Amino acid sequence: MLDSLERDKAEEIVPIPLSGKSEMADYMVIASGRSSRQVIALAEKLSERLKAELGRACRMEGKDTGDWVLIDCGDVVVHIFRPEVREFYQLEKMWLPGDPATSRT
């Protein structure tokens, strides 16, 4: 999954382990695309690869606008944002509050 995002030029990819923190998933991945168009393309490619390679059909929300696409694969949830939207919501700070590597100003 991370390889797919890296291959397609996603930016600032942050995997977050959720075991023991949440029952919604085991991992969350947060990444950025430079534009709405790239966010949508990243989400579509990732979803296609997961289906082809793992036989997993993932649910996707937000693809119409491309500001923030959520891909729910069951044990892994992927958020792909435009940079401005990612900065506004700051999910990394919510899930990794003490990690200076994910803190942004």
N, C-alpha and C. Protein backbone atom coordinates (compact mmCIF):
# COMPACT_ATOMS: atom_id res chain seq x y z
N MET A 1 0.83 -1.19 0.00
CA MET A 1 0.00 0.00 0.00
C MET A 1 0.87 1.25 0.00
N LEU A 2 1.86 1.31 0.89
CA LEU A 2 2.76 2.45 0.94
C LEU A 2 3.56 2.56 -0.35
N ASP A 3 3.97 1.40 -0.89
CA ASP A 3 4.71 1.40 -2.16
C ASP A 3 3.88 1.99 -3.29
N SER A 4 2.61 1.67 -3.29
CA SER A 4 1.72 2.19 -4.34
C SER A 4 1.65 3.71 -4.26
N LEU A 5 1.49 4.24 -3.07
CA LEU A 5 1.43 5.70 -2.89
C LEU A 5 2.75 6.36 -3.28
N GLU A 6 3.86 5.75 -2.87
CA GLU A 6 5.17 6.30 -3.22
C GLU A 6 5.40 6.28 -4.73
N ARG A 7 5.05 5.19 -5.36
CA ARG A 7 5.22 5.03 -6.81
C ARG A 7 4.44 6.09 -7.58
N ASP A 8 3.28 6.46 -7.07
CA ASP A 8 2.43 7.44 -7.74
C ASP A 8 2.68 8.86 -7.27
N LYS A 9 3.77 9.06 -6.55
CA LYS A 9 4.24 10.40 -6.14
C LYS A 9 3.37 11.09 -5.08
N ALA A 10 2.76 10.29 -4.19
CA ALA A 10 2.09 10.89 -3.04
C ALA A 10 3.16 11.55 -2.18
N GLU A 11 2.77 12.57 -1.46
CA GLU A 11 3.71 13.30 -0.62
C GLU A 11 3.39 13.11 0.86
N GLU A 12 4.41 13.24 1.69
CA GLU A 12 4.28 13.19 3.15
C GLU A 12 3.42 12.02 3.61
N ILE A 13 3.83 10.83 3.25
CA ILE A 13 3.11 9.60 3.61
C ILE A 13 3.44 9.26 5.06
N VAL A 14 2.40 9.14 5.89
CA VAL A 14 2.59 8.85 7.31
C VAL A 14 1.73 7.65 7.69
N PRO A 15 2.36 6.50 8.00
CA PRO A 15 1.60 5.36 8.51
C PRO A 15 1.45 5.51 10.03
N ILE A 16 0.26 5.22 10.54
CA ILE A 16 -0.01 5.37 11.96
C ILE A 16 -0.61 4.07 12.49
N PRO A 17 0.09 3.39 13.40
CA PRO A 17 -0.50 2.18 14.00
C PRO A 17 -1.63 2.58 14.95
N LEU A 18 -2.76 1.89 14.83
CA LEU A 18 -3.91 2.20 15.67
C LEU A 18 -4.24 1.12 16.69
N SER A 19 -3.52 0.02 16.65
CA SER A 19 -3.78 -1.06 17.60
C SER A 19 -3.70 -0.52 19.02
N GLY A 20 -4.73 -0.78 19.78
CA GLY A 20 -4.77 -0.30 21.16
C GLY A 20 -5.27 1.13 21.31
N LYS A 21 -5.39 1.85 20.19
CA LYS A 21 -5.88 3.23 20.23
C LYS A 21 -7.30 3.33 19.71
N SER A 22 -7.66 2.44 18.79
CA SER A 22 -8.97 2.50 18.15
C SER A 22 -9.36 1.12 17.66
N GLU A 23 -10.66 0.87 17.64
CA GLU A 23 -11.15 -0.39 17.12
C GLU A 23 -11.56 -0.29 15.65
N MET A 24 -11.48 0.93 15.07
CA MET A 24 -11.93 1.11 13.69
C MET A 24 -11.00 0.45 12.68
N ALA A 25 -9.71 0.35 13.00
CA ALA A 25 -8.73 -0.23 12.07
C ALA A 25 -7.44 -0.51 12.83
N ASP A 26 -6.55 -1.28 12.21
CA ASP A 26 -5.25 -1.55 12.80
C ASP A 26 -4.23 -0.48 12.41
N TYR A 27 -4.41 0.09 11.21
CA TYR A 27 -3.50 1.13 10.72
C TYR A 27 -4.27 2.22 10.01
N MET A 28 -3.71 3.41 10.05
CA MET A 28 -4.20 4.53 9.27
C MET A 28 -3.00 5.04 8.47
N VAL A 29 -3.24 5.41 7.24
CA VAL A 29 -2.19 6.00 6.41
C VAL A 29 -2.71 7.36 5.95
N ILE A 30 -1.86 8.37 6.11
CA ILE A 30 -2.21 9.72 5.68
C ILE A 30 -1.19 10.13 4.62
N ALA A 31 -1.69 10.69 3.53
CA ALA A 31 -0.81 11.12 2.44
C ALA A 31 -1.42 12.34 1.76
N SER A 32 -0.61 13.03 0.99
CA SER A 32 -1.07 14.20 0.26
C SER A 32 -0.81 14.06 -1.23
N GLY A 33 -1.70 14.69 -1.99
CA GLY A 33 -1.49 14.88 -3.42
C GLY A 33 -1.40 16.38 -3.65
N ARG A 34 -0.74 16.79 -4.70
CA ARG A 34 -0.52 18.23 -4.94
C ARG A 34 -1.77 18.97 -5.41
N SER A 35 -2.74 18.25 -5.95
CA SER A 35 -3.95 18.87 -6.48
C SER A 35 -5.12 17.91 -6.31
N SER A 36 -6.33 18.42 -6.51
CA SER A 36 -7.52 17.55 -6.44
C SER A 36 -7.41 16.42 -7.45
N ARG A 37 -6.93 16.75 -8.61
CA ARG A 37 -6.78 15.74 -9.66
C ARG A 37 -5.82 14.62 -9.24
N GLN A 38 -4.70 14.98 -8.62
CA GLN A 38 -3.76 13.96 -8.17
C GLN A 38 -4.32 13.16 -7.00
N VAL A 39 -5.04 13.82 -6.09
CA VAL A 39 -5.65 13.11 -4.97
C VAL A 39 -6.59 12.02 -5.49
N ILE A 40 -7.43 12.37 -6.44
CA ILE A 40 -8.37 11.41 -7.03
C ILE A 40 -7.61 10.28 -7.72
N ALA A 41 -6.59 10.61 -8.49
CA ALA A 41 -5.81 9.59 -9.20
C ALA A 41 -5.11 8.65 -8.22
N LEU A 42 -4.53 9.20 -7.16
CA LEU A 42 -3.87 8.37 -6.15
C LEU A 42 -4.86 7.39 -5.53
N ALA A 43 -6.03 7.88 -5.19
CA ALA A 43 -7.05 7.04 -4.57
C ALA A 43 -7.52 5.94 -5.52
N GLU A 44 -7.77 6.29 -6.77
CA GLU A 44 -8.23 5.30 -7.75
C GLU A 44 -7.19 4.22 -7.99
N LYS A 45 -5.93 4.65 -8.17
CA LYS A 45 -4.85 3.68 -8.41
C LYS A 45 -4.68 2.74 -7.23
N LEU A 46 -4.68 3.30 -6.01
CA LEU A 46 -4.52 2.48 -4.82
C LEU A 46 -5.66 1.48 -4.70
N SER A 47 -6.87 1.93 -4.91
CA SER A 47 -8.02 1.05 -4.83
C SER A 47 -7.95 -0.08 -5.87
N GLU A 48 -7.55 0.28 -7.11
CA GLU A 48 -7.41 -0.72 -8.17
C GLU A 48 -6.33 -1.75 -7.82
N ARG A 49 -5.20 -1.27 -7.30
CA ARG A 49 -4.11 -2.19 -6.96
C ARG A 49 -4.49 -3.13 -5.82
N LEU A 50 -5.18 -2.60 -4.82
CA LEU A 50 -5.60 -3.45 -3.70
C LEU A 50 -6.56 -4.53 -4.17
N LYS A 51 -7.44 -4.17 -5.07
CA LYS A 51 -8.39 -5.16 -5.60
C LYS A 51 -7.66 -6.20 -6.44
N ALA A 52 -6.73 -5.76 -7.31
CA ALA A 52 -6.01 -6.68 -8.20
C ALA A 52 -5.04 -7.58 -7.44
N GLU A 53 -4.30 -7.00 -6.49
CA GLU A 53 -3.25 -7.75 -5.81
C GLU A 53 -3.73 -8.54 -4.61
N LEU A 54 -4.73 -8.02 -3.89
CA LEU A 54 -5.17 -8.67 -2.67
C LEU A 54 -6.61 -9.17 -2.73
N GLY A 55 -7.29 -8.84 -3.83
CA GLY A 55 -8.68 -9.24 -3.94
C GLY A 55 -9.60 -8.49 -2.99
N ARG A 56 -9.17 -7.30 -2.56
CA ARG A 56 -9.94 -6.52 -1.61
C ARG A 56 -10.63 -5.36 -2.30
N ALA A 57 -11.93 -5.30 -2.14
CA ALA A 57 -12.68 -4.15 -2.61
C ALA A 57 -12.83 -3.19 -1.43
N CYS A 58 -12.32 -2.01 -1.58
CA CYS A 58 -12.34 -1.02 -0.51
C CYS A 58 -13.42 0.02 -0.79
N ARG A 59 -14.01 0.54 0.26
CA ARG A 59 -14.99 1.62 0.11
C ARG A 59 -14.24 2.95 0.01
N MET A 60 -14.76 3.84 -0.82
CA MET A 60 -14.10 5.12 -1.04
C MET A 60 -15.12 6.24 -0.90
N GLU A 61 -14.73 7.31 -0.21
CA GLU A 61 -15.59 8.49 -0.07
C GLU A 61 -14.78 9.74 -0.38
N GLY A 62 -15.44 10.74 -0.94
CA GLY A 62 -14.80 12.02 -1.19
C GLY A 62 -14.16 12.17 -2.56
N LYS A 63 -14.30 11.16 -3.39
CA LYS A 63 -13.64 11.19 -4.70
C LYS A 63 -14.22 12.27 -5.61
N ASP A 64 -15.46 12.65 -5.40
CA ASP A 64 -16.10 13.64 -6.27
C ASP A 64 -15.40 15.00 -6.23
N THR A 65 -14.96 15.42 -5.05
CA THR A 65 -14.34 16.74 -4.94
C THR A 65 -12.82 16.68 -4.98
N GLY A 66 -12.25 15.59 -4.47
CA GLY A 66 -10.79 15.45 -4.50
C GLY A 66 -10.05 16.26 -3.46
N ASP A 67 -10.76 16.82 -2.48
CA ASP A 67 -10.08 17.54 -1.40
C ASP A 67 -9.53 16.56 -0.36
N TRP A 68 -10.35 15.55 -0.05
CA TRP A 68 -10.00 14.55 0.95
C TRP A 68 -10.70 13.27 0.55
N VAL A 69 -9.94 12.26 0.19
CA VAL A 69 -10.51 10.97 -0.16
C VAL A 69 -10.17 9.99 0.94
N LEU A 70 -11.19 9.30 1.42
CA LEU A 70 -11.03 8.28 2.45
C LEU A 70 -11.23 6.93 1.79
N ILE A 71 -10.28 6.02 2.01
CA ILE A 71 -10.38 4.66 1.49
C ILE A 71 -10.40 3.73 2.70
N ASP A 72 -11.49 3.02 2.86
CA ASP A 72 -11.66 2.10 3.99
C ASP A 72 -11.49 0.68 3.50
N CYS A 73 -10.38 0.07 3.94
CA CYS A 73 -10.08 -1.31 3.54
C CYS A 73 -10.25 -2.28 4.70
N GLY A 74 -11.02 -1.90 5.68
CA GLY A 74 -11.24 -2.77 6.84
C GLY A 74 -10.20 -2.54 7.91
N ASP A 75 -9.09 -3.27 7.82
CA ASP A 75 -8.05 -3.13 8.85
C ASP A 75 -7.11 -1.97 8.60
N VAL A 76 -7.22 -1.34 7.43
CA VAL A 76 -6.41 -0.16 7.11
C VAL A 76 -7.33 0.92 6.52
N VAL A 77 -7.16 2.14 7.03
CA VAL A 77 -7.91 3.29 6.51
C VAL A 77 -6.89 4.26 5.94
N VAL A 78 -7.13 4.72 4.71
CA VAL A 78 -6.20 5.63 4.04
C VAL A 78 -6.91 6.97 3.81
N HIS A 79 -6.22 8.05 4.20
CA HIS A 79 -6.71 9.40 3.95
C HIS A 79 -5.74 10.06 2.97
N ILE A 80 -6.25 10.55 1.85
CA ILE A 80 -5.42 11.27 0.89
C ILE A 80 -6.00 12.67 0.75
N PHE A 81 -5.18 13.66 1.06
CA PHE A 81 -5.62 15.05 1.12
C PHE A 81 -4.91 15.93 0.11
N ARG A 82 -5.55 17.06 -0.22
CA ARG A 82 -4.82 18.18 -0.78
C ARG A 82 -4.09 18.81 0.41
N PRO A 83 -2.92 19.41 0.22
CA PRO A 83 -2.13 19.92 1.34
C PRO A 83 -2.88 20.89 2.27
N GLU A 84 -3.68 21.79 1.71
CA GLU A 84 -4.39 22.77 2.53
C GLU A 84 -5.42 22.11 3.43
N VAL A 85 -6.08 21.11 2.91
CA VAL A 85 -7.10 20.40 3.67
C VAL A 85 -6.45 19.56 4.77
N ARG A 86 -5.33 18.94 4.44
CA ARG A 86 -4.60 18.16 5.43
C ARG A 86 -4.13 19.05 6.57
N GLU A 87 -3.62 20.20 6.25
CA GLU A 87 -3.17 21.14 7.28
C GLU A 87 -4.33 21.58 8.16
N PHE A 88 -5.49 21.79 7.57
CA PHE A 88 -6.66 22.23 8.33
C PHE A 88 -7.09 21.17 9.35
N TYR A 89 -7.18 19.91 8.93
CA TYR A 89 -7.67 18.85 9.82
C TYR A 89 -6.62 18.27 10.74
N GLN A 90 -5.37 18.27 10.34
CA GLN A 90 -4.24 17.83 11.17
C GLN A 90 -4.48 16.49 11.87
N LEU A 91 -4.85 15.47 11.12
CA LEU A 91 -5.11 14.15 11.70
C LEU A 91 -3.89 13.57 12.41
N GLU A 92 -2.71 13.86 11.88
CA GLU A 92 -1.50 13.33 12.53
C GLU A 92 -1.40 13.80 13.97
N LYS A 93 -1.73 15.04 14.22
CA LYS A 93 -1.64 15.57 15.59
C LYS A 93 -2.65 14.91 16.51
N MET A 94 -3.79 14.51 15.96
CA MET A 94 -4.80 13.85 16.78
C MET A 94 -4.35 12.43 17.16
N TRP A 95 -3.74 11.72 16.21
CA TRP A 95 -3.37 10.33 16.44
C TRP A 95 -1.94 10.14 16.93
N LEU A 96 -1.06 11.11 16.69
CA LEU A 96 0.33 11.05 17.15
C LEU A 96 0.68 12.36 17.87
N PRO A 97 0.02 12.68 18.97
CA PRO A 97 0.19 14.00 19.58
C PRO A 97 1.59 14.33 20.05
N GLY A 98 2.39 13.36 20.44
CA GLY A 98 3.71 13.67 20.98
C GLY A 98 4.84 13.46 20.01
N ASP A 99 4.55 13.19 18.75
CA ASP A 99 5.58 12.87 17.76
C ASP A 99 5.99 14.11 17.01
N PRO A 100 7.19 14.67 17.29
CA PRO A 100 7.63 15.88 16.61
C PRO A 100 7.83 15.70 15.10
N ALA A 101 8.01 14.47 14.65
CA ALA A 101 8.22 14.24 13.21
C ALA A 101 6.95 14.52 12.43
N THR A 102 5.80 14.45 13.08
CA THR A 102 4.54 14.70 12.38
C THR A 102 3.97 16.06 12.70
N SER A 103 4.61 16.82 13.57
CA SER A 103 4.11 18.15 13.91
C SER A 103 4.50 19.12 12.82
N ARG A 104 3.54 19.97 12.44
CA ARG A 104 3.83 21.00 11.45
C ARG A 104 3.41 22.32 12.01
N THR A 105 4.07 23.39 11.54
CA THR A 105 3.68 24.73 11.96
C THR A 105 2.94 25.43 10.88
